[in-house]
Amino acid sequence: MKPSDTRDFAFAFQPVLDRVHTIIGMELLYRDRLDMRAQTDDPTTMSAGVIISAFIHANGDAAHCRYNLFFNIVEELLMSEMLEFLPRMNVTLQLPATLAPTEAVISRCRELKSRGYAIALDHFTCVPSGHSPLLSVADFVKIDLQEVPASELAALVLQLKPWNVKLLAEKVETAEDAAFCHQLGFHMFQGYYFARPTFIEGKRPDPAKLTVVNLLAQLMADAHGSVIEEIFRENPGLVYHLLRLVNTAAFGTSSKIGSIRQALNLLGRNQLIRWIQLLLYSLDDKGGFPSALLQLAAKRGKLMELLAQHASHELGSFQEQAHMAGMLSLADALLGMGMEEIIQLLNPADVLRDALLKREGRIGYLLSLCENLESGDFDQIESLAARLHIPMQTILKCQGDAMAWVCMLSGEGH
């Protein structure tokens, strides 16, 4: 059994200010959880990790940010559809100035600009001789004051005058730096003189990488919706990711989510594929077995579903809601957060809210029954069984079937 699949995440953001020192943007930066420095050598993993964590799992959700958001994007992400996971109207794609200006790259930049994204060139140090295709598609040029000597800065600004770009001075560390850049006509500023990066950290319940690979393969093969839904039903970590995703500002809805199917329908298959590709890049390369806590959440979900068949004539939606309640019932332990905070983030249907917070309603009674089965409190089990009108023999059979199902998923039944 592998260690817990609840993963620590961390990133940072640093404000971008205008000429009167008003915050107008935020750059989101990859950070390693252990020492808050960028540790990975893979820029694609860094970019994907920031996007997934900032837009889906951080409580101060980037998707609700009113500022322009600057994301570092490498060529692999630039050319892929998964980039379009990001909302269009307040996102700037920050490209390395050393990126080769191939026809494909320039065409892709123009396409993204037509869809509402802005383009920034990062760490810009000189204007290439002759025509510069990247400058022709850029909205912003970022000049690092640690890379361009002050004696050369005025000349570089003058060279950039013919281009329709806004200049952003980064690593502005002193009042003298700020005043000099302001005098030269820079439009925006970023650096320690104004604000150091603010760190955001938390936990997210990541599914195993093999699970995500399988899901992506099924999506690319245009598998039936029931096949996709079943993969989610088997993986509490995926369900948590999905519910957070559909409740971001970019993809959110006023509808309260009551089932996996509803969430998948709201997201749509194309956006689901983009998200899964990004998620795959952001995951650690670890094995396919879930943690004991995630296994317990999966078992609760299955047991709740089986018991729901005997607790109500409302099959279908009632079973789906029971299954989801079971899977989400351990989210507080997985994430180290209060259940009320989690409910606010996920926006589940009222019957799920009552069940998870208060153990009320038929689904709440089913959840209490599952918990008492785990603890062996047979007095409570009998009382709840009578309230739900489910025979004890049926409860024990459902419990055995749910355990067998989880063992089959983990390979322990072979």
Protein backbone atom coordinates (compact mmCIF):
# COMPACT_ATOMS: atom_id res chain seq x y z
CA MET A 1 0.00 0.00 0.00
CA LYS A 2 1.32 3.38 -0.95
CA PRO A 3 1.40 6.40 1.40
CA SER A 4 -1.58 8.73 1.38
CA ASP A 5 -2.51 10.18 -1.99
CA THR A 6 -3.36 13.44 -0.31
CA ARG A 7 -0.72 15.73 -1.75
CA ASP A 8 0.68 18.96 -0.38
CA PHE A 9 0.61 21.76 -2.91
CA ALA A 10 2.17 25.19 -2.88
CA PHE A 11 2.51 28.16 -5.17
CA ALA A 12 3.10 31.88 -4.80
CA PHE A 13 1.75 35.04 -6.30
CA GLN A 14 3.41 38.43 -6.65
CA PRO A 15 1.51 41.64 -7.43
CA VAL A 16 1.94 43.62 -10.63
CA LEU A 17 1.36 47.39 -10.20
CA ASP A 18 0.64 50.25 -12.60
CA ARG A 19 2.32 53.66 -12.73
CA VAL A 20 0.37 54.97 -9.72
CA HIS A 21 1.23 51.82 -7.75
CA THR A 22 -2.25 50.26 -7.94
CA ILE A 23 -2.32 46.47 -8.12
CA ILE A 24 -3.59 45.42 -11.55
CA GLY A 25 -2.25 41.89 -11.86
CA MET A 26 -0.73 38.85 -10.18
CA GLU A 27 2.02 36.56 -11.39
CA LEU A 28 1.57 32.97 -10.18
CA LEU A 29 4.81 31.17 -9.41
CA TYR A 30 5.62 27.51 -8.82
CA ARG A 31 6.96 26.69 -5.39
CA ASP A 32 7.98 23.44 -3.74
CA ARG A 33 6.03 22.64 -0.59
CA LEU A 34 9.12 21.73 1.45
CA ASP A 35 11.13 24.93 1.29
CA MET A 36 9.04 27.23 -0.91
CA ARG A 37 11.58 27.22 -3.74
CA ALA A 38 11.10 25.96 -7.28
CA GLN A 39 12.52 22.42 -7.11
CA THR A 40 11.51 20.58 -10.28
CA ASP A 41 13.56 20.85 -13.46
CA ASP A 42 10.51 20.20 -15.66
CA PRO A 43 8.92 23.54 -16.66
CA THR A 44 5.79 21.81 -18.01
CA THR A 45 5.20 20.13 -14.65
CA MET A 46 5.72 23.46 -12.90
CA SER A 47 3.23 25.27 -15.13
CA ALA A 48 0.60 22.53 -14.92
CA GLY A 49 1.00 22.25 -11.15
CA VAL A 50 0.43 25.97 -10.63
CA ILE A 51 -2.65 25.99 -12.86
CA ILE A 52 -4.27 22.95 -11.24
CA SER A 53 -3.53 24.06 -7.67
CA ALA A 54 -4.31 27.76 -8.09
CA PHE A 55 -7.50 27.43 -10.10
CA ILE A 56 -9.05 24.40 -8.43
CA HIS A 57 -7.71 23.67 -4.97
CA ALA A 58 -6.60 26.92 -3.32
CA ASN A 59 -9.27 28.40 -1.08
CA GLY A 60 -8.33 31.89 -2.26
CA ASP A 61 -9.14 30.48 -5.69
CA ALA A 62 -7.34 32.19 -8.59
CA ALA A 63 -10.45 31.63 -10.67
CA HIS A 64 -12.21 34.26 -8.56
CA CYS A 65 -9.36 36.78 -8.84
CA ARG A 66 -10.34 40.15 -10.30
CA TYR A 67 -6.79 40.89 -11.46
CA ASN A 68 -4.96 39.99 -14.64
CA LEU A 69 -3.18 36.69 -13.95
CA PHE A 70 0.27 36.02 -15.42
CA PHE A 71 1.15 32.35 -15.93
CA ASN A 72 4.52 31.05 -17.11
CA ILE A 73 3.83 28.87 -20.15
CA VAL A 74 6.36 26.72 -22.01
CA GLU A 75 6.06 25.75 -25.66
CA GLU A 76 4.57 22.32 -24.93
CA LEU A 77 1.65 23.88 -23.08
CA LEU A 78 1.35 26.76 -25.54
CA MET A 79 0.78 24.37 -28.44
CA SER A 80 -1.63 22.06 -26.60
CA GLU A 81 -5.39 22.26 -26.21
CA MET A 82 -5.08 21.83 -22.45
CA LEU A 83 -3.98 25.47 -22.24
CA GLU A 84 -7.55 26.43 -23.06
CA PHE A 85 -8.56 25.12 -19.66
CA LEU A 86 -7.67 28.62 -18.44
CA PRO A 87 -10.36 31.32 -18.54
CA ARG A 88 -9.80 33.73 -21.38
CA MET A 89 -10.46 37.29 -20.33
CA ASN A 90 -8.10 37.85 -17.39
CA VAL A 91 -5.16 35.55 -18.19
CA THR A 92 -1.79 36.55 -19.65
CA LEU A 93 0.36 33.75 -21.05
CA GLN A 94 3.94 34.55 -20.13
CA LEU A 95 6.35 33.08 -22.70
CA PRO A 96 10.15 32.92 -22.48
CA ALA A 97 11.67 35.55 -24.77
CA THR A 98 14.06 32.84 -26.02
CA LEU A 99 11.16 30.83 -27.48
CA ALA A 100 11.85 30.05 -31.13
CA PRO A 101 9.45 32.19 -33.23
CA THR A 102 8.41 29.43 -35.60
CA GLU A 103 5.40 29.85 -37.87
CA ALA A 104 3.49 27.37 -35.68
CA VAL A 105 4.26 29.32 -32.49
CA ILE A 106 3.29 32.68 -34.00
CA SER A 107 0.10 31.23 -35.49
CA ARG A 108 -0.83 29.71 -32.14
CA CYS A 109 -0.22 33.03 -30.34
CA ARG A 110 -2.46 34.86 -32.79
CA GLU A 111 -5.16 32.23 -32.35
CA LEU A 112 -5.02 32.53 -28.55
CA LYS A 113 -5.10 36.33 -28.73
CA SER A 114 -8.21 36.16 -30.90
CA ARG A 115 -9.84 34.11 -28.14
CA GLY A 116 -9.11 36.71 -25.46
CA TYR A 117 -5.76 35.65 -23.99
CA ALA A 118 -2.91 38.16 -23.68
CA ILE A 119 0.74 37.37 -24.46
CA ALA A 120 3.78 38.50 -22.47
CA LEU A 121 7.47 37.97 -23.25
CA ASP A 122 9.40 37.22 -20.07
CA HIS A 123 13.06 37.99 -19.29
CA PHE A 124 13.41 40.17 -22.37
CA THR A 125 16.96 41.48 -22.76
CA CYS A 126 17.33 42.71 -26.35
CA VAL A 127 15.44 43.34 -29.57
CA PRO A 128 16.60 40.82 -32.19
CA SER A 129 18.03 42.28 -35.37
CA GLY A 130 15.50 42.55 -38.16
CA HIS A 131 11.86 41.59 -37.80
CA SER A 132 10.76 40.04 -34.49
CA PRO A 133 7.61 37.92 -34.90
CA LEU A 134 7.22 37.40 -31.13
CA LEU A 135 7.12 41.14 -30.54
CA SER A 136 4.43 41.45 -33.20
CA VAL A 137 2.07 39.23 -31.16
CA ALA A 138 3.06 40.37 -27.65
CA ASP A 139 0.91 42.57 -25.43
CA PHE A 140 3.53 42.94 -22.68
CA VAL A 141 7.31 42.80 -22.49
CA LYS A 142 8.86 42.01 -19.09
CA ILE A 143 12.36 43.32 -18.47
CA ASP A 144 14.30 41.88 -15.53
CA LEU A 145 16.38 44.63 -13.92
CA GLN A 146 18.84 41.99 -12.67
CA GLU A 147 19.54 40.91 -16.26
CA VAL A 148 19.68 44.28 -18.04
CA PRO A 149 22.25 46.76 -16.66
CA ALA A 150 20.89 50.22 -15.85
CA SER A 151 23.28 51.70 -18.42
CA GLU A 152 21.57 49.67 -21.18
CA LEU A 153 17.99 50.00 -20.01
CA ALA A 154 17.17 53.33 -21.70
CA ALA A 155 18.44 52.05 -25.05
CA LEU A 156 16.33 48.89 -24.78
CA VAL A 157 13.23 50.91 -23.97
CA LEU A 158 13.91 53.11 -26.99
CA GLN A 159 14.27 50.04 -29.22
CA LEU A 160 10.88 48.79 -28.08
CA LYS A 161 9.09 52.09 -28.81
CA PRO A 162 7.95 51.09 -32.33
CA TRP A 163 6.19 48.00 -31.01
CA ASN A 164 2.69 48.17 -29.58
CA VAL A 165 3.65 46.63 -26.25
CA LYS A 166 3.41 47.65 -22.61
CA LEU A 167 6.64 47.44 -20.61
CA LEU A 168 6.76 45.69 -17.24
CA ALA A 169 9.82 46.14 -15.02
CA GLU A 170 10.41 43.10 -12.82
CA LYS A 171 12.74 42.64 -9.85
CA VAL A 172 12.33 46.27 -8.87
CA GLU A 173 14.03 46.20 -5.46
CA THR A 174 14.67 49.84 -4.53
CA ALA A 175 12.99 53.22 -4.69
CA GLU A 176 15.73 54.30 -7.11
CA ASP A 177 14.88 51.38 -9.43
CA ALA A 178 11.20 52.29 -9.34
CA ALA A 179 11.82 56.00 -10.03
CA PHE A 180 14.23 55.27 -12.90
CA CYS A 181 11.82 52.85 -14.62
CA HIS A 182 8.95 55.28 -14.13
CA GLN A 183 11.02 58.02 -15.77
CA LEU A 184 11.80 55.74 -18.72
CA GLY A 185 8.11 55.20 -19.32
CA PHE A 186 7.50 51.68 -17.98
CA HIS A 187 3.80 50.92 -17.68
CA MET A 188 3.92 48.27 -14.92
CA PHE A 189 6.15 47.25 -12.05
CA GLN A 190 6.88 44.14 -10.01
CA GLY A 191 9.45 43.38 -7.36
CA TYR A 192 10.47 43.27 -3.71
CA TYR A 193 10.27 47.06 -3.42
CA PHE A 194 6.49 46.77 -3.81
CA ALA A 195 5.73 43.28 -2.44
CA ARG A 196 7.38 39.94 -1.92
CA PRO A 197 5.62 36.79 -3.20
CA THR A 198 2.79 35.53 -1.02
CA PHE A 199 2.79 31.77 -0.51
CA ILE A 200 -0.34 29.63 -0.74
CA GLU A 201 -0.27 26.05 0.46
CA GLY A 202 -2.76 23.29 1.14
CA LYS A 203 -3.66 19.69 0.41
CA ARG A 204 -5.36 18.03 -2.54
CA PRO A 205 -6.39 14.36 -2.82
CA ASP A 206 -4.63 13.29 -5.99
CA PRO A 207 -5.73 10.15 -7.82
CA ALA A 208 -3.05 7.68 -8.87
CA LYS A 209 -1.34 8.52 -12.15
CA LEU A 210 -2.32 5.19 -13.73
CA THR A 211 -5.97 6.03 -13.08
CA VAL A 212 -5.65 9.38 -14.84
CA VAL A 213 -3.81 7.77 -17.78
CA ASN A 214 -6.63 5.24 -18.11
CA LEU A 215 -9.28 7.96 -17.93
CA LEU A 216 -7.54 10.02 -20.61
CA ALA A 217 -7.22 6.95 -22.84
CA GLN A 218 -10.95 6.26 -22.51
CA LEU A 219 -11.79 9.89 -23.29
CA MET A 220 -9.54 9.95 -26.35
CA ALA A 221 -11.16 6.72 -27.54
CA ASP A 222 -14.56 8.43 -27.23
CA ALA A 223 -15.76 5.91 -24.63
CA HIS A 224 -19.40 6.00 -23.60
CA GLY A 225 -20.31 8.38 -20.79
CA SER A 226 -21.16 5.48 -18.48
CA VAL A 227 -17.56 4.19 -18.78
CA ILE A 228 -16.15 7.61 -17.87
CA GLU A 229 -18.61 7.96 -15.01
CA GLU A 230 -17.61 4.57 -13.59
CA ILE A 231 -13.94 5.57 -13.46
CA PHE A 232 -14.90 8.58 -11.36
CA ARG A 233 -17.14 6.44 -9.14
CA GLU A 234 -14.13 4.30 -8.29
CA ASN A 235 -11.85 7.21 -7.36
CA PRO A 236 -12.73 9.70 -4.57
CA GLY A 237 -9.72 11.86 -5.44
CA LEU A 238 -10.99 12.37 -8.98
CA VAL A 239 -14.46 13.22 -7.69
CA TYR A 240 -13.06 15.91 -5.39
CA HIS A 241 -11.05 17.42 -8.26
CA LEU A 242 -14.13 17.37 -10.50
CA LEU A 243 -16.39 19.11 -7.99
CA ARG A 244 -13.81 21.79 -7.29
CA LEU A 245 -13.39 22.35 -11.01
CA VAL A 246 -17.06 22.89 -11.80
CA ASN A 247 -17.28 25.33 -8.90
CA THR A 248 -14.56 27.68 -10.13
CA ALA A 249 -15.54 31.00 -11.62
CA ALA A 250 -14.52 29.82 -15.08
CA PHE A 251 -16.73 26.74 -15.13
CA GLY A 252 -19.05 27.24 -12.18
CA THR A 253 -22.78 27.08 -12.12
CA SER A 254 -25.48 28.19 -9.76
CA SER A 255 -26.79 24.61 -9.80
CA LYS A 256 -25.99 22.54 -6.74
CA ILE A 257 -24.19 19.34 -7.73
CA GLY A 258 -25.95 16.12 -6.80
CA SER A 259 -24.17 13.49 -8.90
CA ILE A 260 -21.02 12.74 -10.85
CA ARG A 261 -23.04 12.62 -14.05
CA GLN A 262 -24.39 16.13 -13.48
CA ALA A 263 -20.88 17.49 -12.87
CA LEU A 264 -19.51 15.80 -16.01
CA ASN A 265 -22.37 17.12 -18.12
CA LEU A 266 -21.80 20.67 -16.85
CA LEU A 267 -18.10 20.49 -17.68
CA GLY A 268 -18.42 18.91 -21.12
CA ARG A 269 -16.10 16.36 -22.70
CA ASN A 270 -13.72 18.78 -24.44
CA GLN A 271 -13.01 20.72 -21.27
CA LEU A 272 -12.76 17.44 -19.33
CA ILE A 273 -10.01 16.24 -21.68
CA ARG A 274 -8.08 19.50 -21.27
CA TRP A 275 -8.32 19.30 -17.49
CA ILE A 276 -7.26 15.62 -17.37
CA GLN A 277 -4.23 16.37 -19.55
CA LEU A 278 -3.17 19.17 -17.19
CA LEU A 279 -3.81 17.01 -14.14
CA LEU A 280 -1.69 14.23 -15.62
CA TYR A 281 1.26 16.59 -16.04
CA SER A 282 0.95 17.80 -12.46
CA LEU A 283 0.92 14.37 -10.79
CA ASP A 284 3.83 12.53 -9.22
CA ASP A 285 4.86 9.36 -11.02
CA LYS A 286 3.67 6.94 -8.37
CA GLY A 287 1.84 3.66 -8.37
CA GLY A 288 -1.78 2.83 -8.98
CA PHE A 289 -2.95 1.92 -5.50
CA PRO A 290 -4.89 4.44 -3.40
CA SER A 291 -4.22 5.20 0.24
CA ALA A 292 -6.13 3.43 3.00
CA LEU A 293 -8.19 6.58 3.60
CA LEU A 294 -9.15 6.88 -0.06
CA GLN A 295 -9.99 3.17 -0.12
CA LEU A 296 -12.29 3.68 2.85
CA ALA A 297 -13.97 6.61 1.09
CA ALA A 298 -14.49 4.48 -2.03
CA LYS A 299 -15.92 1.65 0.07
CA ARG A 300 -18.30 4.02 1.86
CA GLY A 301 -19.49 5.34 -1.46
CA LYS A 302 -20.20 1.87 -2.80
CA LEU A 303 -21.85 0.71 0.42
CA MET A 304 -24.02 3.83 0.51
CA GLU A 305 -25.09 3.15 -3.07
CA LEU A 306 -25.96 -0.48 -2.34
CA LEU A 307 -27.88 0.40 0.81
CA ALA A 308 -29.75 3.17 -1.02
CA GLN A 309 -31.30 0.53 -3.27
CA HIS A 310 -33.08 -0.84 -0.19
CA ALA A 311 -33.77 2.44 1.62
CA SER A 312 -35.86 4.17 -1.03
CA HIS A 313 -37.88 3.54 -4.14
CA GLU A 314 -36.16 6.61 -5.67
CA LEU A 315 -33.50 4.69 -7.50
CA GLY A 316 -31.13 6.49 -9.85
CA SER A 317 -30.62 9.98 -8.42
CA PHE A 318 -31.00 8.85 -4.81
CA GLN A 319 -28.37 6.16 -5.29
CA GLU A 320 -26.05 8.65 -6.97
CA GLN A 321 -26.40 11.14 -4.11
CA ALA A 322 -25.82 8.40 -1.54
CA HIS A 323 -22.70 7.28 -3.38
CA MET A 324 -21.32 10.82 -3.53
CA ALA A 325 -22.01 11.43 0.17
CA GLY A 326 -20.02 8.33 1.07
CA MET A 327 -17.08 9.37 -1.09
CA LEU A 328 -17.02 12.92 0.31
CA SER A 329 -17.55 11.94 3.94
CA LEU A 330 -13.80 11.64 4.62
CA ALA A 331 -12.74 14.78 2.75
CA ASP A 332 -12.13 16.63 6.01
CA ALA A 333 -9.68 13.97 7.19
CA LEU A 334 -7.99 13.82 3.78
CA LEU A 335 -7.51 17.57 3.47
CA GLY A 336 -7.16 18.69 7.07
CA MET A 337 -10.05 21.12 6.60
CA GLY A 338 -13.39 21.56 8.31
CA MET A 339 -16.33 19.91 6.55
CA GLU A 340 -18.22 23.22 6.47
CA GLU A 341 -15.37 24.82 4.52
CA ILE A 342 -15.31 21.87 2.11
CA ILE A 343 -19.08 22.08 1.60
CA GLN A 344 -18.74 25.76 0.76
CA LEU A 345 -16.08 24.95 -1.84
CA LEU A 346 -17.92 22.05 -3.49
CA ASN A 347 -21.50 23.39 -3.43
CA PRO A 348 -23.27 20.01 -3.24
CA ALA A 349 -27.04 19.53 -3.31
CA ASP A 350 -28.86 20.40 -0.06
CA VAL A 351 -29.55 16.74 0.75
CA LEU A 352 -25.82 16.08 0.59
CA ARG A 353 -25.05 19.15 2.66
CA ASP A 354 -27.46 18.02 5.39
CA ALA A 355 -26.07 14.49 5.31
CA LEU A 356 -22.41 15.51 5.49
CA LEU A 357 -22.77 18.27 8.07
CA LYS A 358 -25.62 17.03 10.25
CA ARG A 359 -26.16 13.34 9.35
CA GLU A 360 -29.77 14.30 8.62
CA GLY A 361 -32.21 12.89 6.07
CA ARG A 362 -32.17 9.41 4.60
CA ILE A 363 -28.69 9.89 3.16
CA GLY A 364 -27.47 11.17 6.53
CA TYR A 365 -28.91 8.09 8.22
CA LEU A 366 -27.21 5.87 5.65
CA LEU A 367 -23.91 7.63 6.33
CA SER A 368 -24.33 7.16 10.09
CA LEU A 369 -25.09 3.51 9.45
CA CYS A 370 -21.84 3.11 7.50
CA GLU A 371 -19.83 4.82 10.23
CA ASN A 372 -21.34 2.62 12.92
CA LEU A 373 -20.64 -0.49 10.87
CA GLU A 374 -16.98 0.58 10.78
CA SER A 375 -16.88 1.16 14.54
CA GLY A 376 -18.97 -1.92 15.41
CA ASP A 377 -21.67 -0.08 17.39
CA PHE A 378 -24.43 -2.64 16.91
CA ASP A 379 -27.01 -0.85 19.05
CA GLN A 380 -26.82 2.15 16.73
CA ILE A 381 -26.73 -0.13 13.68
CA GLU A 382 -29.98 -1.81 14.70
CA SER A 383 -31.66 1.53 15.44
CA LEU A 384 -30.65 2.99 12.08
CA ALA A 385 -31.58 -0.21 10.24
CA ALA A 386 -35.08 0.00 11.72
CA ARG A 387 -35.41 3.68 10.81
CA LEU A 388 -34.35 2.94 7.22
CA HIS A 389 -36.39 -0.27 7.00
CA ILE A 390 -33.42 -2.31 5.86
CA PRO A 391 -33.04 -5.87 7.27
CA MET A 392 -29.77 -6.63 9.05
CA GLN A 393 -29.11 -9.52 6.70
CA THR A 394 -29.30 -7.11 3.76
CA ILE A 395 -26.96 -4.63 5.46
CA LEU A 396 -24.32 -7.28 6.10
CA LYS A 397 -24.56 -8.54 2.53
CA CYS A 398 -24.14 -5.00 1.17
CA GLN A 399 -21.14 -4.53 3.44
CA GLY A 400 -19.51 -7.68 2.10
CA ASP A 401 -20.25 -6.71 -1.50
CA ALA A 402 -18.75 -3.25 -0.98
CA MET A 403 -15.58 -4.70 0.56
CA ALA A 404 -15.25 -7.17 -2.33
CA TRP A 405 -15.67 -4.33 -4.82
CA VAL A 406 -12.86 -2.29 -3.24
CA CYS A 407 -10.56 -5.32 -3.11
CA MET A 408 -11.21 -5.92 -6.79
CA LEU A 409 -10.29 -2.30 -7.61
CA SER A 410 -7.01 -2.52 -5.70
CA GLY A 411 -6.14 -5.95 -7.10
CA GLU A 412 -6.29 -7.61 -3.70
CA GLY A 413 -9.06 -9.90 -4.84
CA HIS A 414 -6.82 -11.65 -7.38
